[in-house]
Amino acid sequence: MRRVCVYAGSNPGSHPAYADGARAMSTTLAERGIGLVYGGGRVGLMGVLADTMLEAGGEAIGVMPQALIDREIGHRGLTELRVVESMHERKAQMAELSDAFVAVPGGIGTLEELIEVYTWSQLGIHRKPCGVLNVRGYYDHLAAFLDHAVDEGFLRPQHRAVLSVASEPGELLDRLAGYEQPTVGKWTELR
């Protein structure tokens, strides 16, 4: 893996462990020589990710729509800040630049981005691993929901296995590095 796209909240969350988790994620990426691709913000956990990566001497590439740059929330000290026109273009460029996807804690935007790339994997649009850094059990309910979807016949076990869940960045990156995309045949086999 050369670069990992990390989705993160634009808020810091209500517990310092969330910022600690974001710092640990960036520190581990930098120690392994893996670059960071993220949403380009300077606020919340996004800012923590970028600042930590830059302090560790790593690569931090942000991708942000002009409308958010105009609201002055873009990080100006990145290795590279790519300014795009739309959120759709942002997500596509982040995916293109990355070899894997990780979500640290965040709100509905973070969840939406994660679920979209997770769905793209199921549909065969990409063959890149996906995971969540489960700080303080933040993603326990998401993992339980996906397990429930398998039990209820709405998600195949091999598609559930695409999303790795770990509480430590090193463990998560090891799982992503060892990932093998499930074999999916025709569209009808996705059901």
Protein backbone atom coordinates (compact mmCIF):
# COMPACT_ATOMS: atom_id res chain seq x y z
CA MET A 1 0.00 0.00 0.00
CA ARG A 2 1.35 3.39 -1.01
CA ARG A 3 -1.53 5.51 0.25
CA VAL A 4 -4.57 4.99 2.46
CA CYS A 5 -7.68 7.12 2.28
CA VAL A 6 -8.84 7.92 5.81
CA TYR A 7 -12.34 9.25 6.37
CA ALA A 8 -12.67 11.26 9.57
CA GLY A 9 -14.97 13.64 11.38
CA SER A 10 -14.75 17.39 10.98
CA ASN A 11 -15.44 17.52 14.73
CA PRO A 12 -13.15 16.15 17.45
CA GLY A 13 -15.86 14.09 19.17
CA SER A 14 -16.73 14.14 22.86
CA HIS A 15 -13.81 12.05 24.14
CA PRO A 16 -10.05 12.67 23.79
CA ALA A 17 -9.59 9.01 22.77
CA TYR A 18 -10.96 9.85 19.31
CA ALA A 19 -8.17 12.36 18.63
CA ASP A 20 -5.69 9.89 20.12
CA GLY A 21 -6.94 7.24 17.68
CA ALA A 22 -6.59 9.61 14.71
CA ARG A 23 -3.05 10.50 15.84
CA ALA A 24 -2.18 6.82 16.20
CA MET A 25 -3.55 6.10 12.72
CA SER A 26 -1.39 8.80 11.10
CA THR A 27 1.66 7.89 13.16
CA THR A 28 1.37 4.24 12.11
CA LEU A 29 0.90 5.19 8.47
CA ALA A 30 3.98 7.42 8.59
CA GLU A 31 6.07 4.75 10.33
CA ARG A 32 5.19 2.33 7.54
CA GLY A 33 5.92 4.84 4.79
CA ILE A 34 2.27 4.96 3.72
CA GLY A 35 0.81 8.27 2.59
CA LEU A 36 -2.47 9.77 3.81
CA VAL A 37 -5.31 10.80 1.52
CA TYR A 38 -8.17 12.55 3.30
CA GLY A 39 -10.82 15.23 2.93
CA GLY A 40 -8.45 18.18 3.21
CA GLY A 41 -9.85 19.80 6.36
CA ARG A 42 -7.90 21.52 9.12
CA VAL A 43 -10.64 21.03 11.74
CA GLY A 44 -11.73 18.12 13.93
CA LEU A 45 -10.22 14.68 13.48
CA MET A 46 -9.37 15.55 9.88
CA GLY A 47 -6.99 18.22 11.14
CA VAL A 48 -5.54 15.85 13.74
CA LEU A 49 -4.83 13.25 11.03
CA ALA A 50 -3.10 15.74 8.75
CA ASP A 51 -1.12 17.57 11.42
CA THR A 52 0.16 14.31 12.90
CA MET A 53 1.14 12.97 9.50
CA LEU A 54 3.01 16.15 8.61
CA GLU A 55 4.77 16.27 12.00
CA ALA A 56 5.92 12.68 11.39
CA GLY A 57 7.34 13.67 8.00
CA GLY A 58 4.73 11.75 6.01
CA GLU A 59 2.77 12.60 2.91
CA ALA A 60 -0.66 14.20 3.45
CA ILE A 61 -2.85 14.79 0.39
CA GLY A 62 -6.16 16.55 0.90
CA VAL A 63 -9.03 16.72 -1.58
CA MET A 64 -11.66 19.39 -0.96
CA PRO A 65 -14.40 21.10 -2.96
CA GLN A 66 -13.96 24.82 -3.63
CA ALA A 67 -17.12 25.60 -1.64
CA LEU A 68 -15.47 24.26 1.53
CA ILE A 69 -12.21 26.06 0.75
CA ASP A 70 -14.27 29.25 0.51
CA ARG A 71 -15.56 28.57 4.05
CA GLU A 72 -11.90 28.56 5.17
CA ILE A 73 -11.79 25.02 6.53
CA GLY A 74 -9.15 23.72 4.12
CA HIS A 75 -5.73 22.79 5.52
CA ARG A 76 -3.11 25.04 3.90
CA GLY A 77 0.02 23.20 5.07
CA LEU A 78 -0.44 19.85 3.31
CA THR A 79 1.94 18.06 1.01
CA GLU A 80 -0.74 18.69 -1.59
CA LEU A 81 -4.26 20.15 -1.46
CA ARG A 82 -6.34 19.30 -4.50
CA VAL A 83 -9.30 21.61 -5.02
CA VAL A 84 -12.25 20.11 -6.91
CA GLU A 85 -15.70 21.35 -7.88
CA SER A 86 -18.02 18.85 -6.19
CA MET A 87 -18.30 16.27 -3.43
CA HIS A 88 -18.68 13.58 -6.11
CA GLU A 89 -15.41 14.63 -7.73
CA ARG A 90 -13.79 14.72 -4.28
CA LYS A 91 -14.78 11.14 -3.46
CA ALA A 92 -13.75 9.84 -6.88
CA GLN A 93 -10.33 11.49 -6.67
CA MET A 94 -9.74 10.26 -3.11
CA ALA A 95 -10.58 6.72 -4.24
CA GLU A 96 -8.31 6.98 -7.27
CA LEU A 97 -5.35 8.14 -5.16
CA SER A 98 -5.73 5.40 -2.55
CA ASP A 99 -4.92 1.72 -2.20
CA ALA A 100 -7.20 1.13 0.80
CA PHE A 101 -9.93 2.89 2.79
CA VAL A 102 -10.22 3.43 6.54
CA ALA A 103 -12.77 5.28 8.63
CA VAL A 104 -11.87 6.66 12.03
CA PRO A 105 -14.74 8.02 14.14
CA GLY A 106 -16.88 10.66 12.50
CA GLY A 107 -20.44 11.64 11.71
CA ILE A 108 -22.79 10.94 8.85
CA GLY A 109 -20.38 12.25 6.21
CA THR A 110 -17.72 9.81 7.36
CA LEU A 111 -20.24 6.98 7.42
CA GLU A 112 -21.57 7.90 3.97
CA GLU A 113 -18.08 7.89 2.45
CA LEU A 114 -17.21 4.56 4.06
CA ILE A 115 -20.45 2.87 3.01
CA GLU A 116 -20.06 4.15 -0.55
CA VAL A 117 -16.59 2.64 -1.04
CA TYR A 118 -17.73 -0.52 0.76
CA THR A 119 -20.60 -0.78 -1.72
CA TRP A 120 -18.25 -0.10 -4.63
CA SER A 121 -16.21 -3.09 -3.48
CA GLN A 122 -19.29 -5.32 -3.40
CA LEU A 123 -20.20 -4.17 -6.91
CA GLY A 124 -16.69 -4.84 -8.21
CA ILE A 125 -15.97 -1.16 -8.97
CA HIS A 126 -12.70 -1.47 -7.07
CA ARG A 127 -10.73 -4.27 -5.41
CA LYS A 128 -9.30 -2.29 -2.50
CA PRO A 129 -9.65 -3.23 1.18
CA CYS A 130 -11.88 -1.31 3.58
CA GLY A 131 -11.72 -1.00 7.36
CA VAL A 132 -12.68 0.96 10.43
CA LEU A 133 -10.55 1.99 13.37
CA ASN A 134 -12.86 1.08 16.22
CA VAL A 135 -11.81 3.63 18.86
CA ARG A 136 -13.71 3.16 22.15
CA GLY A 137 -16.05 0.72 20.40
CA TYR A 138 -17.33 3.53 18.17
CA TYR A 139 -18.09 1.16 15.30
CA ASP A 140 -19.42 -1.76 17.40
CA HIS A 141 -23.00 -1.05 16.34
CA LEU A 142 -22.06 -0.83 12.66
CA ALA A 143 -20.29 -4.20 12.86
CA ALA A 144 -23.30 -5.68 14.69
CA PHE A 145 -25.66 -4.28 12.05
CA LEU A 146 -23.61 -5.84 9.23
CA ASP A 147 -23.57 -9.17 11.07
CA HIS A 148 -27.35 -8.88 11.47
CA ALA A 149 -27.68 -8.14 7.72
CA VAL A 150 -25.81 -11.39 7.04
CA ASP A 151 -28.06 -13.31 9.46
CA GLU A 152 -31.15 -11.88 7.80
CA GLY A 153 -29.98 -12.71 4.27
CA PHE A 154 -29.33 -9.15 3.04
CA LEU A 155 -25.54 -9.37 2.93
CA ARG A 156 -23.40 -12.30 1.89
CA PRO A 157 -20.72 -13.41 4.37
CA GLN A 158 -17.93 -12.81 1.83
CA HIS A 159 -19.12 -9.22 1.40
CA ARG A 160 -19.31 -8.73 5.16
CA ALA A 161 -15.70 -9.89 5.36
CA VAL A 162 -14.60 -7.01 3.11
CA LEU A 163 -14.89 -4.54 6.01
CA SER A 164 -12.20 -5.12 8.64
CA VAL A 165 -12.75 -3.84 12.16
CA ALA A 166 -9.85 -3.31 14.57
CA SER A 167 -9.13 -1.12 17.56
CA GLU A 168 -5.40 -0.68 16.84
CA PRO A 169 -4.04 0.98 13.67
CA GLY A 170 -1.23 -1.56 13.22
CA GLU A 171 -3.62 -4.49 13.40
CA LEU A 172 -6.01 -2.80 10.98
CA LEU A 173 -3.26 -2.03 8.45
CA ASP A 174 -1.99 -5.61 8.69
CA ARG A 175 -5.49 -6.89 7.89
CA LEU A 176 -5.82 -4.49 4.97
CA ALA A 177 -2.39 -5.50 3.62
CA GLY A 178 -3.42 -9.18 3.71
CA TYR A 179 -6.80 -8.57 2.12
CA GLU A 180 -7.98 -10.72 -0.76
CA GLN A 181 -11.04 -9.52 -2.68
CA PRO A 182 -13.85 -12.09 -2.69
CA THR A 183 -14.63 -13.52 -6.09
CA VAL A 184 -17.92 -12.18 -7.39
CA GLY A 185 -19.45 -13.42 -10.59
CA LYS A 186 -22.42 -11.93 -12.37
CA TRP A 187 -24.46 -9.04 -10.99
CA THR A 188 -27.18 -11.47 -9.86
CA GLU A 189 -24.71 -13.12 -7.49
CA LEU A 190 -24.44 -9.91 -5.46
CA ARG A 191 -27.85 -10.51 -3.88
